[in-house]
Amino acid sequence: MKILVVGAGGQVGEKIAVFAQRSSHYTIGAYKSKKPASGFNEILQLDKTNKSETRSIINKFKPDVVVDTAALHNVDYCETHPE
């Protein structure tokens, strides 16, 4: 199985990579600012808010599964900027 992990540089994304690799899945890690250390077969930079870039990556790699773990984690900022 081919898995695309968006937010690959974060804690959850890296954990998914570890489990996927143990099960012999091909993993592609996509990150915006924090590049993952390792654990992925391929690593690429992606701004998931760019619709054409995201579609291009999906069309290129044709993953069986896309897991989006990317999120804004600054709680104070989120509370003052609900949009």
PDB file of N, CA and C in Angstrom:
ATOM      1  N   MET A   1       0.842  -1.173   0.000  1.00  0.00           N
ATOM      2  CA  MET A   1       0.000   0.000   0.000  1.00  0.00           C
ATOM      3  C   MET A   1       0.892   1.242   0.000  1.00  0.00           C
ATOM      4  N   LYS A   2       0.463   2.277  -0.690  1.00  0.00           N
ATOM      5  CA  LYS A   2       1.180   3.545  -0.754  1.00  0.00           C
ATOM      6  C   LYS A   2       0.418   4.578   0.073  1.00  0.00           C
ATOM      7  N   ILE A   3       1.121   5.185   1.042  1.00  0.00           N
ATOM      8  CA  ILE A   3       0.496   6.116   1.974  1.00  0.00           C
ATOM      9  C   ILE A   3       1.176   7.482   1.877  1.00  0.00           C
ATOM     10  N   LEU A   4       0.372   8.521   1.686  1.00  0.00           N
ATOM     11  CA  LEU A   4       0.856   9.898   1.711  1.00  0.00           C
ATOM     12  C   LEU A   4       0.489  10.489   3.067  1.00  0.00           C
ATOM     13  N   VAL A   5       1.504  10.927   3.812  1.00  0.00           N
ATOM     14  CA  VAL A   5       1.283  11.523   5.128  1.00  0.00           C
ATOM     15  C   VAL A   5       1.563  13.019   5.035  1.00  0.00           C
ATOM     16  N   VAL A   6       0.519  13.825   5.157  1.00  0.00           N
ATOM     17  CA  VAL A   6       0.645  15.278   5.174  1.00  0.00           C
ATOM     18  C   VAL A   6       0.882  15.689   6.628  1.00  0.00           C
ATOM     19  N   GLY A   7       1.846  16.547   6.856  1.00  0.00           N
ATOM     20  CA  GLY A   7       2.228  16.887   8.229  1.00  0.00           C
ATOM     21  C   GLY A   7       3.250  15.900   8.746  1.00  0.00           C
ATOM     22  N   ALA A   8       4.078  15.406   7.843  1.00  0.00           N
ATOM     23  CA  ALA A   8       5.030  14.342   8.162  1.00  0.00           C
ATOM     24  C   ALA A   8       6.087  14.748   9.176  1.00  0.00           C
ATOM     25  N   GLY A   9       6.325  16.045   9.340  1.00  0.00           N
ATOM     26  CA  GLY A   9       7.341  16.501  10.282  1.00  0.00           C
ATOM     27  C   GLY A   9       6.872  16.560  11.719  1.00  0.00           C
ATOM     28  N   GLY A  10       5.597  16.352  11.935  1.00  0.00           N
ATOM     29  CA  GLY A  10       5.061  16.404  13.290  1.00  0.00           C
ATOM     30  C   GLY A  10       5.117  15.059  13.991  1.00  0.00           C
ATOM     31  N   GLN A  11       4.785  15.068  15.251  1.00  0.00           N
ATOM     32  CA  GLN A  11       4.852  13.863  16.079  1.00  0.00           C
ATOM     33  C   GLN A  11       3.940  12.750  15.558  1.00  0.00           C
ATOM     34  N   VAL A  12       2.720  13.086  15.219  1.00  0.00           N
ATOM     35  CA  VAL A  12       1.777  12.072  14.746  1.00  0.00           C
ATOM     36  C   VAL A  12       2.207  11.536  13.373  1.00  0.00           C
ATOM     37  N   GLY A  13       2.602  12.428  12.481  1.00  0.00           N
ATOM     38  CA  GLY A  13       3.050  12.015  11.156  1.00  0.00           C
ATOM     39  C   GLY A  13       4.230  11.071  11.213  1.00  0.00           C
ATOM     40  N   GLU A  14       5.194  11.364  12.066  1.00  0.00           N
ATOM     41  CA  GLU A  14       6.368  10.499  12.192  1.00  0.00           C
ATOM     42  C   GLU A  14       6.012   9.144  12.794  1.00  0.00           C
ATOM     43  N   LYS A  15       5.059   9.113  13.724  1.00  0.00           N
ATOM     44  CA  LYS A  15       4.619   7.835  14.299  1.00  0.00           C
ATOM     45  C   LYS A  15       3.919   6.971  13.246  1.00  0.00           C
ATOM     46  N   ILE A  16       3.107   7.602  12.415  1.00  0.00           N
ATOM     47  CA  ILE A  16       2.436   6.864  11.340  1.00  0.00           C
ATOM     48  C   ILE A  16       3.474   6.247  10.413  1.00  0.00           C
ATOM     49  N   ALA A  17       4.521   6.997  10.107  1.00  0.00           N
ATOM     50  CA  ALA A  17       5.588   6.481   9.238  1.00  0.00           C
ATOM     51  C   ALA A  17       6.233   5.242   9.829  1.00  0.00           C
ATOM     52  N   VAL A  18       6.492   5.261  11.126  1.00  0.00           N
ATOM     53  CA  VAL A  18       7.115   4.117  11.797  1.00  0.00           C
ATOM     54  C   VAL A  18       6.235   2.876  11.663  1.00  0.00           C
ATOM     55  N   PHE A  19       4.954   3.015  11.950  1.00  0.00           N
ATOM     56  CA  PHE A  19       4.042   1.870  11.863  1.00  0.00           C
ATOM     57  C   PHE A  19       3.865   1.397  10.419  1.00  0.00           C
ATOM     58  N   ALA A  20       3.792   2.330   9.491  1.00  0.00           N
ATOM     59  CA  ALA A  20       3.628   1.967   8.078  1.00  0.00           C
ATOM     60  C   ALA A  20       4.846   1.220   7.557  1.00  0.00           C
ATOM     61  N   GLN A  21       6.029   1.670   7.941  1.00  0.00           N
ATOM     62  CA  GLN A  21       7.252   1.005   7.507  1.00  0.00           C
ATOM     63  C   GLN A  21       7.335  -0.416   8.082  1.00  0.00           C
ATOM     64  N   ARG A  22       6.917  -0.584   9.310  1.00  0.00           N
ATOM     65  CA  ARG A  22       6.913  -1.921   9.926  1.00  0.00           C
ATOM     66  C   ARG A  22       6.020  -2.891   9.154  1.00  0.00           C
ATOM     67  N   SER A  23       4.985  -2.349   8.532  1.00  0.00           N
ATOM     68  CA  SER A  23       4.049  -3.171   7.760  1.00  0.00           C
ATOM     69  C   SER A  23       4.422  -3.197   6.281  1.00  0.00           C
ATOM     70  N   SER A  24       5.609  -2.704   5.962  1.00  0.00           N
ATOM     71  CA  SER A  24       6.136  -2.704   4.591  1.00  0.00           C
ATOM     72  C   SER A  24       5.328  -1.860   3.617  1.00  0.00           C
ATOM     73  N   HIS A  25       4.696  -0.808   4.113  1.00  0.00           N
ATOM     74  CA  HIS A  25       3.982   0.112   3.230  1.00  0.00           C
ATOM     75  C   HIS A  25       4.962   1.155   2.701  1.00  0.00           C
ATOM     76  N   TYR A  26       4.719   1.615   1.491  1.00  0.00           N
ATOM     77  CA  TYR A  26       5.526   2.677   0.890  1.00  0.00           C
ATOM     78  C   TYR A  26       4.963   3.994   1.387  1.00  0.00           C
ATOM     79  N   THR A  27       5.796   4.799   2.041  1.00  0.00           N
ATOM     80  CA  THR A  27       5.300   6.024   2.647  1.00  0.00           C
ATOM     81  C   THR A  27       5.958   7.261   2.030  1.00  0.00           C
ATOM     82  N   ILE A  28       5.121   8.247   1.759  1.00  0.00           N
ATOM     83  CA  ILE A  28       5.564   9.532   1.240  1.00  0.00           C
ATOM     84  C   ILE A  28       5.232  10.561   2.309  1.00  0.00           C
ATOM     85  N   GLY A  29       6.228  11.282   2.763  1.00  0.00           N
ATOM     86  CA  GLY A  29       6.029  12.300   3.779  1.00  0.00           C
ATOM     87  C   GLY A  29       6.000  13.680   3.168  1.00  0.00           C
ATOM     88  N   ALA A  30       4.945  14.428   3.440  1.00  0.00           N
ATOM     89  CA  ALA A  30       4.822  15.801   2.959  1.00  0.00           C
ATOM     90  C   ALA A  30       4.832  16.738   4.159  1.00  0.00           C
ATOM     91  N   TYR A  31       5.632  17.774   4.052  1.00  0.00           N
ATOM     92  CA  TYR A  31       5.745  18.734   5.155  1.00  0.00           C
ATOM     93  C   TYR A  31       5.718  20.153   4.609  1.00  0.00           C
ATOM     94  N   LYS A  32       5.363  21.097   5.463  1.00  0.00           N
ATOM     95  CA  LYS A  32       5.380  22.505   5.039  1.00  0.00           C
ATOM     96  C   LYS A  32       6.642  23.203   5.536  1.00  0.00           C
ATOM     97  N   SER A  33       6.930  23.091   6.837  1.00  0.00           N
ATOM     98  CA  SER A  33       8.085  23.827   7.369  1.00  0.00           C
ATOM     99  C   SER A  33       9.067  22.956   8.152  1.00  0.00           C
ATOM    100  N   LYS A  34       8.594  21.927   8.823  1.00  0.00           N
ATOM    101  CA  LYS A  34       9.486  21.067   9.617  1.00  0.00           C
ATOM    102  C   LYS A  34       9.700  19.746   8.882  1.00  0.00           C
ATOM    103  N   LYS A  35      10.872  19.617   8.280  1.00  0.00           N
ATOM    104  CA  LYS A  35      11.188  18.413   7.513  1.00  0.00           C
ATOM    105  C   LYS A  35      11.368  17.227   8.471  1.00  0.00           C
ATOM    106  N   PRO A  36      10.733  16.097   8.157  1.00  0.00           N
ATOM    107  CA  PRO A  36      10.906  14.927   9.015  1.00  0.00           C
ATOM    108  C   PRO A  36      12.338  14.397   8.938  1.00  0.00           C
ATOM    109  N   ALA A  37      12.806  13.854  10.035  1.00  0.00           N
ATOM    110  CA  ALA A  37      14.183  13.351  10.102  1.00  0.00           C
ATOM    111  C   ALA A  37      14.380  12.142   9.181  1.00  0.00           C
ATOM    112  N   SER A  38      13.456  11.216   9.226  1.00  0.00           N
ATOM    113  CA  SER A  38      13.552  10.002   8.411  1.00  0.00           C
ATOM    114  C   SER A  38      12.270   9.201   8.575  1.00  0.00           C
ATOM    115  N   GLY A  39      12.287   7.971   8.074  1.00  0.00           N
ATOM    116  CA  GLY A  39      11.140   7.092   8.253  1.00  0.00           C
ATOM    117  C   GLY A  39      10.227   7.009   7.051  1.00  0.00           C
ATOM    118  N   PHE A  40      10.503   7.822   6.032  1.00  0.00           N
ATOM    119  CA  PHE A  40       9.675   7.816   4.827  1.00  0.00           C
ATOM    120  C   PHE A  40      10.502   7.363   3.630  1.00  0.00           C
ATOM    121  N   ASN A  41       9.847   6.727   2.681  1.00  0.00           N
ATOM    122  CA  ASN A  41      10.528   6.350   1.444  1.00  0.00           C
ATOM    123  C   ASN A  41      10.864   7.589   0.613  1.00  0.00           C
ATOM    124  N   GLU A  42       9.959   8.568   0.638  1.00  0.00           N
ATOM    125  CA  GLU A  42      10.179   9.836  -0.054  1.00  0.00           C
ATOM    126  C   GLU A  42       9.670  10.956   0.827  1.00  0.00           C
ATOM    127  N   ILE A  43      10.345  12.107   0.751  1.00  0.00           N
ATOM    128  CA  ILE A  43       9.958  13.280   1.529  1.00  0.00           C
ATOM    129  C   ILE A  43       9.881  14.467   0.583  1.00  0.00           C
ATOM    130  N   LEU A  44       8.796  15.236   0.694  1.00  0.00           N
ATOM    131  CA  LEU A  44       8.646  16.408  -0.166  1.00  0.00           C
ATOM    132  C   LEU A  44       7.975  17.535   0.585  1.00  0.00           C
ATOM    133  N   GLN A  45       8.205  18.743   0.112  1.00  0.00           N
ATOM    134  CA  GLN A  45       7.593  19.914   0.722  1.00  0.00           C
ATOM    135  C   GLN A  45       6.259  20.178   0.035  1.00  0.00           C
ATOM    136  N   LEU A  46       5.240  20.503   0.826  1.00  0.00           N
ATOM    137  CA  LEU A  46       3.900  20.715   0.301  1.00  0.00           C
ATOM    138  C   LEU A  46       3.159  21.735   1.158  1.00  0.00           C
ATOM    139  N   ASP A  47       2.538  22.687   0.487  1.00  0.00           N
ATOM    140  CA  ASP A  47       1.622  23.603   1.158  1.00  0.00           C
ATOM    141  C   ASP A  47       0.220  23.095   0.847  1.00  0.00           C
ATOM    142  N   LYS A  48      -0.399  22.421   1.795  1.00  0.00           N
ATOM    143  CA  LYS A  48      -1.691  21.779   1.535  1.00  0.00           C
ATOM    144  C   LYS A  48      -2.806  22.765   1.232  1.00  0.00           C
ATOM    145  N   THR A  49      -2.585  24.053   1.511  1.00  0.00           N
ATOM    146  CA  THR A  49      -3.599  25.046   1.178  1.00  0.00           C
ATOM    147  C   THR A  49      -3.542  25.442  -0.296  1.00  0.00           C
ATOM    148  N   ASN A  50      -2.517  25.015  -0.992  1.00  0.00           N
ATOM    149  CA  ASN A  50      -2.382  25.261  -2.422  1.00  0.00           C
ATOM    150  C   ASN A  50      -3.032  24.088  -3.153  1.00  0.00           C
ATOM    151  N   LYS A  51      -4.251  24.294  -3.613  1.00  0.00           N
ATOM    152  CA  LYS A  51      -5.048  23.217  -4.195  1.00  0.00           C
ATOM    153  C   LYS A  51      -4.366  22.569  -5.409  1.00  0.00           C
ATOM    154  N   SER A  52      -3.808  23.356  -6.303  1.00  0.00           N
ATOM    155  CA  SER A  52      -3.187  22.783  -7.503  1.00  0.00           C
ATOM    156  C   SER A  52      -1.925  21.992  -7.158  1.00  0.00           C
ATOM    157  N   GLU A  53      -1.152  22.474  -6.193  1.00  0.00           N
ATOM    158  CA  GLU A  53       0.047  21.753  -5.761  1.00  0.00           C
ATOM    159  C   GLU A  53      -0.337  20.412  -5.119  1.00  0.00           C
ATOM    160  N   THR A  54      -1.368  20.440  -4.300  1.00  0.00           N
ATOM    161  CA  THR A  54      -1.829  19.219  -3.632  1.00  0.00           C
ATOM    162  C   THR A  54      -2.335  18.199  -4.648  1.00  0.00           C
ATOM    163  N   ARG A  55      -3.131  18.652  -5.603  1.00  0.00           N
ATOM    164  CA  ARG A  55      -3.629  17.743  -6.648  1.00  0.00           C
ATOM    165  C   ARG A  55      -2.488  17.166  -7.468  1.00  0.00           C
ATOM    166  N   SER A  56      -1.505  17.999  -7.756  1.00  0.00           N
ATOM    167  CA  SER A  56      -0.352  17.547  -8.535  1.00  0.00           C
ATOM    168  C   SER A  56       0.402  16.424  -7.814  1.00  0.00           C
ATOM    169  N   ILE A  57       0.602  16.573  -6.517  1.00  0.00           N
ATOM    170  CA  ILE A  57       1.289  15.549  -5.721  1.00  0.00           C
ATOM    171  C   ILE A  57       0.472  14.255  -5.699  1.00  0.00           C
ATOM    172  N   ILE A  58      -0.829  14.382  -5.497  1.00  0.00           N
ATOM    173  CA  ILE A  58      -1.686  13.191  -5.464  1.00  0.00           C
ATOM    174  C   ILE A  58      -1.689  12.497  -6.829  1.00  0.00           C
ATOM    175  N   ASN A  59      -1.773  13.270  -7.896  1.00  0.00           N
ATOM    176  CA  ASN A  59      -1.749  12.679  -9.238  1.00  0.00           C
ATOM    177  C   ASN A  59      -0.400  12.036  -9.559  1.00  0.00           C
ATOM    178  N   LYS A  60       0.676  12.618  -9.067  1.00  0.00           N
ATOM    179  CA  LYS A  60       2.012  12.079  -9.328  1.00  0.00           C
ATOM    180  C   LYS A  60       2.242  10.755  -8.604  1.00  0.00           C
ATOM    181  N   PHE A  61       1.912  10.705  -7.322  1.00  0.00           N
ATOM    182  CA  PHE A  61       2.218   9.528  -6.510  1.00  0.00           C
ATOM    183  C   PHE A  61       1.084   8.504  -6.457  1.00  0.00           C
ATOM    184  N   LYS A  62      -0.137   8.928  -6.723  1.00  0.00           N
ATOM    185  CA  LYS A  62      -1.307   8.050  -6.693  1.00  0.00           C
ATOM    186  C   LYS A  62      -1.353   7.185  -5.422  1.00  0.00           C
ATOM    187  N   PRO A  63      -1.405   7.848  -4.261  1.00  0.00           N
ATOM    188  CA  PRO A  63      -1.445   7.077  -3.007  1.00  0.00           C
ATOM    189  C   PRO A  63      -2.768   6.336  -2.841  1.00  0.00           C
ATOM    190  N   ASP A  64      -2.703   5.210  -2.141  1.00  0.00           N
ATOM    191  CA  ASP A  64      -3.926   4.475  -1.794  1.00  0.00           C
ATOM    192  C   ASP A  64      -4.644   5.170  -0.644  1.00  0.00           C
ATOM    193  N   VAL A  65      -3.854   5.818   0.215  1.00  0.00           N
ATOM    194  CA  VAL A  65      -4.388   6.479   1.399  1.00  0.00           C
ATOM    195  C   VAL A  65      -3.664   7.809   1.592  1.00  0.00           C
ATOM    196  N   VAL A  66      -4.427   8.847   1.963  1.00  0.00           N
ATOM    197  CA  VAL A  66      -3.843  10.127   2.350  1.00  0.00           C
ATOM    198  C   VAL A  66      -4.243  10.383   3.800  1.00  0.00           C
ATOM    199  N   VAL A  67      -3.244  10.598   4.650  1.00  0.00           N
ATOM    200  CA  VAL A  67      -3.487  10.887   6.062  1.00  0.00           C
ATOM    201  C   VAL A  67      -2.994  12.305   6.314  1.00  0.00           C
ATOM    202  N   ASP A  68      -3.899  13.182   6.735  1.00  0.00           N
ATOM    203  CA  ASP A  68      -3.546  14.575   6.984  1.00  0.00           C
ATOM    204  C   ASP A  68      -3.427  14.798   8.480  1.00  0.00           C
ATOM    205  N   THR A  69      -2.190  14.916   8.955  1.00  0.00           N
ATOM    206  CA  THR A  69      -1.951  15.152  10.379  1.00  0.00           C
ATOM    207  C   THR A  69      -1.533  16.595  10.640  1.00  0.00           C
ATOM    208  N   ALA A  70      -1.461  17.401   9.593  1.00  0.00           N
ATOM    209  CA  ALA A  70      -1.014  18.786   9.735  1.00  0.00           C
ATOM    210  C   ALA A  70      -2.085  19.618  10.436  1.00  0.00           C
ATOM    211  N   ALA A  71      -1.631  20.449  11.351  1.00  0.00           N
ATOM    212  CA  ALA A  71      -2.573  21.279  12.096  1.00  0.00           C
ATOM    213  C   ALA A  71      -1.843  22.468  12.691  1.00  0.00           C
ATOM    214  N   LEU A  72      -2.603  23.466  13.042  1.00  0.00           N
ATOM    215  CA  LEU A  72      -2.068  24.619  13.760  1.00  0.00           C
ATOM    216  C   LEU A  72      -2.169  24.286  15.242  1.00  0.00           C
ATOM    217  N   HIS A  73      -1.049  24.238  15.927  1.00  0.00           N
ATOM    218  CA  HIS A  73      -1.022  23.771  17.310  1.00  0.00           C
ATOM    219  C   HIS A  73      -0.914  24.866  18.354  1.00  0.00           C
ATOM    220  N   ASN A  74      -0.801  26.105  17.938  1.00  0.00           N
ATOM    221  CA  ASN A  74      -0.686  27.202  18.889  1.00  0.00           C
ATOM    222  C   ASN A  74      -2.087  27.529  19.415  1.00  0.00           C
ATOM    223  N   VAL A  75      -2.406  27.023  20.590  1.00  0.00           N
ATOM    224  CA  VAL A  75      -3.753  27.145  21.151  1.00  0.00           C
ATOM    225  C   VAL A  75      -4.161  28.601  21.343  1.00  0.00           C
ATOM    226  N   ASP A  76      -3.276  29.410  21.877  1.00  0.00           N
ATOM    227  CA  ASP A  76      -3.606  30.825  22.101  1.00  0.00           C
ATOM    228  C   ASP A  76      -3.929  31.527  20.791  1.00  0.00           C
ATOM    229  N   TYR A  77      -3.137  31.281  19.770  1.00  0.00           N
ATOM    230  CA  TYR A  77      -3.386  31.895  18.457  1.00  0.00           C
ATOM    231  C   TYR A  77      -4.744  31.420  17.898  1.00  0.00           C
ATOM    232  N   CYS A  78      -5.015  30.134  18.008  1.00  0.00           N
ATOM    233  CA  CYS A  78      -6.276  29.589  17.498  1.00  0.00           C
ATOM    234  C   CYS A  78      -7.479  30.219  18.202  1.00  0.00           C
ATOM    235  N   GLU A  79      -7.371  30.444  19.508  1.00  0.00           N
ATOM    236  CA  GLU A  79      -8.476  31.029  20.246  1.00  0.00           C
ATOM    237  C   GLU A  79      -8.734  32.480  19.842  1.00  0.00           C
ATOM    238  N   THR A  80      -7.675  33.211  19.482  1.00  0.00           N
ATOM    239  CA  THR A  80      -7.860  34.609  19.100  1.00  0.00           C
ATOM    240  C   THR A  80      -8.094  34.770  17.599  1.00  0.00           C
ATOM    241  N   HIS A  81      -7.928  33.707  16.820  1.00  0.00           N
ATOM    242  CA  HIS A  81      -8.142  33.740  15.374  1.00  0.00           C
ATOM    243  C   HIS A  81      -9.005  32.536  14.965  1.00  0.00           C
ATOM    244  N   PRO A  82     -10.274  32.500  15.331  1.00  0.00           N
ATOM    245  CA  PRO A  82     -11.109  31.322  15.080  1.00  0.00           C
ATOM    246  C   PRO A  82     -11.311  30.992  13.590  1.00  0.00           C
ATOM    247  N   GLU A  83     -11.111  31.968  12.720  1.00  0.00           N
ATOM    248  CA  GLU A  83     -11.286  31.682  11.285  1.00  0.00           C
ATOM    249  C   GLU A  83     -10.200  30.741  10.806  1.00  0.00           C
TER     250      GLU A  83
END
